[in-house]
Amino acid sequence: MGLGGTEIVILVALVLLFFGGKRLPQLGSALGKAMTNFKSGLKEEKEDKES
């Protein structure tokens, strides 16, 4: 169930319609920070279980 080129184009167009071009960098930054925090939380959890 992979995404093809057409599906990606449609998703990008919908995101642009909903959020606008000016908000996309802010959304990308927030998503990146959230992923980083999530990964560090998983790493800490793994280290706690090993101790």
Protein backbone atom coordinates (compact mmCIF):
# COMPACT_ATOMS: atom_id res chain seq x y z
CA MET A 1 0.00 0.00 0.00
CA GLY A 2 2.68 2.45 -1.06
CA LEU A 3 2.13 5.98 -2.23
CA GLY A 4 2.59 6.74 -5.89
CA GLY A 5 3.48 10.03 -7.51
CA THR A 6 -0.13 11.08 -8.02
CA GLU A 7 -1.07 10.45 -4.40
CA ILE A 8 1.90 12.46 -3.14
CA VAL A 9 1.01 15.40 -5.39
CA ILE A 10 -2.59 15.33 -4.14
CA LEU A 11 -1.44 15.23 -0.50
CA VAL A 12 0.95 18.15 -1.00
CA ALA A 13 -1.79 20.18 -2.70
CA LEU A 14 -4.21 19.50 0.17
CA VAL A 15 -1.62 20.47 2.78
CA LEU A 16 -0.93 23.71 0.91
CA LEU A 17 -4.66 24.48 0.75
CA PHE A 18 -5.22 23.83 4.45
CA PHE A 19 -2.12 25.47 5.93
CA GLY A 20 -0.76 27.80 3.26
CA GLY A 21 2.81 28.18 2.12
CA LYS A 22 3.89 30.41 5.01
CA ARG A 23 3.00 27.86 7.70
CA LEU A 24 4.71 24.84 6.10
CA PRO A 25 8.22 25.60 7.46
CA GLN A 26 6.75 26.00 10.96
CA LEU A 27 4.90 22.71 10.65
CA GLY A 28 8.01 20.93 9.39
CA SER A 29 10.08 22.30 12.26
CA ALA A 30 7.50 21.27 14.85
CA LEU A 31 7.26 17.80 13.33
CA GLY A 32 11.04 17.41 13.37
CA LYS A 33 11.25 18.45 17.02
CA ALA A 34 8.43 16.07 17.95
CA MET A 35 10.17 13.16 16.20
CA THR A 36 13.45 13.98 17.94
CA ASN A 37 11.77 14.07 21.35
CA PHE A 38 9.97 10.80 20.63
CA LYS A 39 13.19 9.04 19.60
CA SER A 40 15.06 10.31 22.65
CA GLY A 41 12.19 9.12 24.86
CA LEU A 42 12.39 5.66 23.33
CA LYS A 43 16.15 5.59 23.84
CA GLU A 44 15.78 6.60 27.51
CA GLU A 45 13.13 3.93 28.03
CA LYS A 46 15.39 1.29 26.52
CA GLU A 47 18.30 2.39 28.72
CA ASP A 48 16.07 2.25 31.82
CA LYS A 49 14.99 -1.30 31.04
CA GLU A 50 18.59 -2.42 30.58
CA SER A 51 19.66 -1.01 33.96
